[in-house]
Amino acid sequence: MRVLTKWKDLPAFGSKEEEIAFWKQTALDPRLMNGSMLKNDNRDSTTITLRFDPRMLARIKRLARSRYLNYQSMIKQWLSERIEKET
């Protein structure tokens, strides 16, 4: 299995089948995902508490792990995308 180490090496796919075949033989280097996460360096943030069903939280964590993301960052990204869609 080959490992994709640079985003520029990601080809343009002509079809869904090409993309499926590519990803069956290719894995992402975890450092690519870590480098693409948004940095929150100069912003203030507020801590909140959300209550989740344990099974739902476990599913969210598994999904985040499969994408090499922190689950809290992924939730914030989802919320941000939804806010943009709503406004």
N, C-alpha and C. Protein backbone atom coordinates (compact mmCIF):
# COMPACT_ATOMS: atom_id res chain seq x y z
N MET A 1 0.85 -1.18 0.00
CA MET A 1 0.00 0.00 0.00
C MET A 1 0.89 1.24 0.00
N ARG A 2 0.58 2.17 -0.85
CA ARG A 2 1.36 3.41 -0.88
C ARG A 2 0.74 4.43 0.09
N VAL A 3 1.57 5.38 0.50
CA VAL A 3 1.14 6.40 1.46
C VAL A 3 1.24 7.76 0.80
N LEU A 4 0.16 8.51 0.84
CA LEU A 4 0.13 9.86 0.29
C LEU A 4 0.73 10.81 1.31
N THR A 5 1.84 11.46 0.97
CA THR A 5 2.52 12.33 1.92
C THR A 5 2.40 13.81 1.58
N LYS A 6 1.91 14.12 0.37
CA LYS A 6 1.74 15.52 -0.05
C LYS A 6 0.39 15.67 -0.74
N TRP A 7 -0.34 16.71 -0.38
CA TRP A 7 -1.64 16.93 -1.00
C TRP A 7 -1.52 17.13 -2.51
N LYS A 8 -0.41 17.70 -2.96
CA LYS A 8 -0.26 17.95 -4.39
C LYS A 8 -0.15 16.67 -5.20
N ASP A 9 0.15 15.55 -4.53
CA ASP A 9 0.24 14.25 -5.21
C ASP A 9 -1.12 13.58 -5.38
N LEU A 10 -2.17 14.20 -4.87
CA LEU A 10 -3.51 13.66 -5.00
C LEU A 10 -3.99 13.92 -6.44
N PRO A 11 -4.31 12.87 -7.20
CA PRO A 11 -4.68 13.08 -8.60
C PRO A 11 -6.11 13.59 -8.76
N ALA A 12 -6.39 14.11 -9.92
CA ALA A 12 -7.76 14.48 -10.28
C ALA A 12 -8.41 13.20 -10.81
N PHE A 13 -9.53 12.83 -10.25
CA PHE A 13 -10.18 11.58 -10.64
C PHE A 13 -11.18 11.83 -11.76
N GLY A 14 -11.16 10.94 -12.73
CA GLY A 14 -12.09 11.05 -13.85
C GLY A 14 -13.44 10.44 -13.56
N SER A 15 -13.46 9.53 -12.58
CA SER A 15 -14.72 8.87 -12.24
C SER A 15 -14.68 8.42 -10.79
N LYS A 16 -15.83 8.08 -10.28
CA LYS A 16 -15.92 7.58 -8.92
C LYS A 16 -15.16 6.25 -8.79
N GLU A 17 -15.21 5.45 -9.82
CA GLU A 17 -14.51 4.16 -9.81
C GLU A 17 -13.00 4.35 -9.69
N GLU A 18 -12.46 5.35 -10.41
CA GLU A 18 -11.02 5.66 -10.31
C GLU A 18 -10.65 6.05 -8.89
N GLU A 19 -11.49 6.87 -8.29
CA GLU A 19 -11.22 7.33 -6.93
C GLU A 19 -11.26 6.16 -5.95
N ILE A 20 -12.24 5.28 -6.10
CA ILE A 20 -12.35 4.11 -5.22
C ILE A 20 -11.11 3.24 -5.35
N ALA A 21 -10.69 2.99 -6.60
CA ALA A 21 -9.49 2.16 -6.83
C ALA A 21 -8.25 2.80 -6.21
N PHE A 22 -8.14 4.12 -6.33
CA PHE A 22 -6.99 4.83 -5.77
C PHE A 22 -6.94 4.67 -4.25
N TRP A 23 -8.08 4.90 -3.58
CA TRP A 23 -8.09 4.86 -2.12
C TRP A 23 -7.99 3.44 -1.57
N LYS A 24 -8.30 2.44 -2.38
CA LYS A 24 -8.10 1.05 -1.94
C LYS A 24 -6.62 0.72 -1.84
N GLN A 25 -5.80 1.44 -2.62
CA GLN A 25 -4.36 1.18 -2.65
C GLN A 25 -3.53 2.25 -1.96
N THR A 26 -4.18 3.28 -1.42
CA THR A 26 -3.46 4.43 -0.88
C THR A 26 -3.99 4.79 0.51
N ALA A 27 -3.05 5.13 1.38
CA ALA A 27 -3.41 5.61 2.72
C ALA A 27 -2.85 7.02 2.88
N LEU A 28 -3.48 7.80 3.75
CA LEU A 28 -2.98 9.15 4.03
C LEU A 28 -1.96 9.10 5.16
N ASP A 29 -0.90 9.85 4.99
CA ASP A 29 0.04 10.03 6.09
C ASP A 29 -0.67 10.87 7.15
N PRO A 30 -0.72 10.41 8.41
CA PRO A 30 -1.43 11.17 9.46
C PRO A 30 -0.95 12.61 9.60
N ARG A 31 0.30 12.88 9.26
CA ARG A 31 0.81 14.25 9.37
C ARG A 31 0.10 15.20 8.42
N LEU A 32 -0.43 14.67 7.30
CA LEU A 32 -1.21 15.52 6.39
C LEU A 32 -2.44 16.07 7.08
N MET A 33 -3.14 15.21 7.79
CA MET A 33 -4.36 15.63 8.47
C MET A 33 -4.04 16.58 9.62
N ASN A 34 -2.99 16.30 10.36
CA ASN A 34 -2.62 17.18 11.47
C ASN A 34 -2.25 18.57 10.97
N GLY A 35 -1.60 18.64 9.83
CA GLY A 35 -1.20 19.93 9.27
C GLY A 35 -2.35 20.70 8.68
N SER A 36 -3.46 20.01 8.39
CA SER A 36 -4.58 20.70 7.76
C SER A 36 -5.61 21.19 8.77
N MET A 37 -5.44 20.85 10.02
CA MET A 37 -6.40 21.30 11.04
C MET A 37 -6.25 22.79 11.27
N LEU A 38 -7.38 23.42 11.48
CA LEU A 38 -7.37 24.85 11.73
C LEU A 38 -6.72 25.15 13.06
N LYS A 39 -5.87 26.13 13.08
CA LYS A 39 -5.22 26.54 14.31
C LYS A 39 -6.05 27.62 14.97
N ASN A 40 -6.14 27.57 16.25
CA ASN A 40 -6.93 28.53 17.01
C ASN A 40 -5.98 29.33 17.90
N ASP A 41 -4.95 29.94 17.29
CA ASP A 41 -3.87 30.57 18.04
C ASP A 41 -4.27 31.85 18.76
N ASN A 42 -4.90 32.76 18.06
CA ASN A 42 -5.10 34.09 18.63
C ASN A 42 -6.55 34.38 18.99
N ARG A 43 -7.37 33.38 19.03
CA ARG A 43 -8.78 33.61 19.32
C ARG A 43 -9.09 33.22 20.76
N ASP A 44 -10.01 33.96 21.34
CA ASP A 44 -10.52 33.56 22.64
C ASP A 44 -11.53 32.46 22.43
N SER A 45 -11.63 31.57 23.37
CA SER A 45 -12.64 30.53 23.26
C SER A 45 -13.36 30.38 24.59
N THR A 46 -14.56 29.89 24.51
CA THR A 46 -15.39 29.69 25.68
C THR A 46 -15.66 28.21 25.83
N THR A 47 -15.52 27.71 27.01
CA THR A 47 -15.80 26.31 27.28
C THR A 47 -17.29 26.14 27.56
N ILE A 48 -17.88 25.13 26.91
CA ILE A 48 -19.28 24.81 27.15
C ILE A 48 -19.39 23.32 27.47
N THR A 49 -20.52 22.93 27.97
CA THR A 49 -20.77 21.52 28.26
C THR A 49 -21.94 21.05 27.41
N LEU A 50 -21.74 19.94 26.72
CA LEU A 50 -22.81 19.31 25.94
C LEU A 50 -22.97 17.89 26.46
N ARG A 51 -24.20 17.46 26.56
CA ARG A 51 -24.46 16.07 26.98
C ARG A 51 -24.81 15.25 25.74
N PHE A 52 -24.08 14.15 25.56
CA PHE A 52 -24.30 13.25 24.44
C PHE A 52 -24.67 11.87 24.96
N ASP A 53 -25.50 11.20 24.20
CA ASP A 53 -25.72 9.79 24.44
C ASP A 53 -24.37 9.10 24.27
N PRO A 54 -23.98 8.21 25.19
CA PRO A 54 -22.65 7.57 25.08
C PRO A 54 -22.41 6.86 23.76
N ARG A 55 -23.46 6.25 23.20
CA ARG A 55 -23.28 5.56 21.92
C ARG A 55 -23.03 6.54 20.79
N MET A 56 -23.72 7.69 20.83
CA MET A 56 -23.50 8.70 19.80
C MET A 56 -22.08 9.25 19.89
N LEU A 57 -21.63 9.53 21.10
CA LEU A 57 -20.27 10.05 21.27
C LEU A 57 -19.24 9.03 20.80
N ALA A 58 -19.46 7.77 21.09
CA ALA A 58 -18.53 6.73 20.63
C ALA A 58 -18.48 6.69 19.10
N ARG A 59 -19.63 6.85 18.45
CA ARG A 59 -19.66 6.88 16.98
C ARG A 59 -18.92 8.09 16.44
N ILE A 60 -19.10 9.24 17.08
CA ILE A 60 -18.40 10.46 16.65
C ILE A 60 -16.90 10.28 16.80
N LYS A 61 -16.47 9.71 17.92
CA LYS A 61 -15.03 9.50 18.15
C LYS A 61 -14.44 8.55 17.13
N ARG A 62 -15.17 7.46 16.80
CA ARG A 62 -14.67 6.53 15.79
C ARG A 62 -14.54 7.20 14.43
N LEU A 63 -15.54 7.99 14.07
CA LEU A 63 -15.51 8.70 12.80
C LEU A 63 -14.34 9.68 12.75
N ALA A 64 -14.15 10.41 13.82
CA ALA A 64 -13.03 11.37 13.88
C ALA A 64 -11.69 10.64 13.77
N ARG A 65 -11.56 9.53 14.48
CA ARG A 65 -10.31 8.77 14.45
C ARG A 65 -10.03 8.26 13.04
N SER A 66 -11.07 7.85 12.33
CA SER A 66 -10.87 7.35 10.96
C SER A 66 -10.41 8.45 10.02
N ARG A 67 -10.68 9.70 10.40
CA ARG A 67 -10.25 10.86 9.61
C ARG A 67 -9.01 11.53 10.18
N TYR A 68 -8.40 10.90 11.17
CA TYR A 68 -7.20 11.43 11.83
C TYR A 68 -7.46 12.81 12.43
N LEU A 69 -8.64 13.00 13.00
CA LEU A 69 -8.99 14.27 13.62
C LEU A 69 -9.30 14.07 15.09
N ASN A 70 -9.15 15.15 15.85
CA ASN A 70 -9.62 15.18 17.22
C ASN A 70 -11.14 15.33 17.16
N TYR A 71 -11.87 14.55 17.96
CA TYR A 71 -13.34 14.57 17.82
C TYR A 71 -13.93 15.93 18.16
N GLN A 72 -13.33 16.66 19.11
CA GLN A 72 -13.86 17.97 19.45
C GLN A 72 -13.65 18.96 18.30
N SER A 73 -12.50 18.88 17.66
CA SER A 73 -12.24 19.74 16.50
C SER A 73 -13.20 19.42 15.36
N MET A 74 -13.49 18.14 15.18
CA MET A 74 -14.41 17.75 14.12
C MET A 74 -15.82 18.28 14.40
N ILE A 75 -16.26 18.21 15.65
CA ILE A 75 -17.58 18.74 16.01
C ILE A 75 -17.62 20.25 15.75
N LYS A 76 -16.54 20.96 16.13
CA LYS A 76 -16.50 22.41 15.88
C LYS A 76 -16.54 22.71 14.38
N GLN A 77 -15.85 21.90 13.61
CA GLN A 77 -15.86 22.08 12.16
C GLN A 77 -17.27 21.86 11.61
N TRP A 78 -17.95 20.81 12.06
CA TRP A 78 -19.33 20.56 11.63
C TRP A 78 -20.24 21.73 11.97
N LEU A 79 -20.11 22.25 13.20
CA LEU A 79 -20.95 23.37 13.60
C LEU A 79 -20.67 24.60 12.74
N SER A 80 -19.40 24.86 12.48
CA SER A 80 -19.03 26.00 11.66
C SER A 80 -19.61 25.88 10.25
N GLU A 81 -19.50 24.69 9.67
CA GLU A 81 -20.05 24.47 8.33
C GLU A 81 -21.56 24.65 8.31
N ARG A 82 -22.22 24.18 9.34
CA ARG A 82 -23.68 24.31 9.41
C ARG A 82 -24.10 25.75 9.57
N ILE A 83 -23.37 26.51 10.38
CA ILE A 83 -23.67 27.92 10.56
C ILE A 83 -23.55 28.65 9.23
N GLU A 84 -22.49 28.36 8.48
CA GLU A 84 -22.30 28.98 7.17
C GLU A 84 -23.46 28.63 6.24
N LYS A 85 -23.89 27.39 6.29
CA LYS A 85 -25.00 26.95 5.42
C LYS A 85 -26.30 27.66 5.80
N GLU A 86 -26.52 27.88 7.08
CA GLU A 86 -27.75 28.49 7.55
C GLU A 86 -27.80 29.99 7.32
N THR A 87 -26.64 30.63 7.23
CA THR A 87 -26.64 32.09 7.08
C THR A 87 -26.40 32.48 5.69
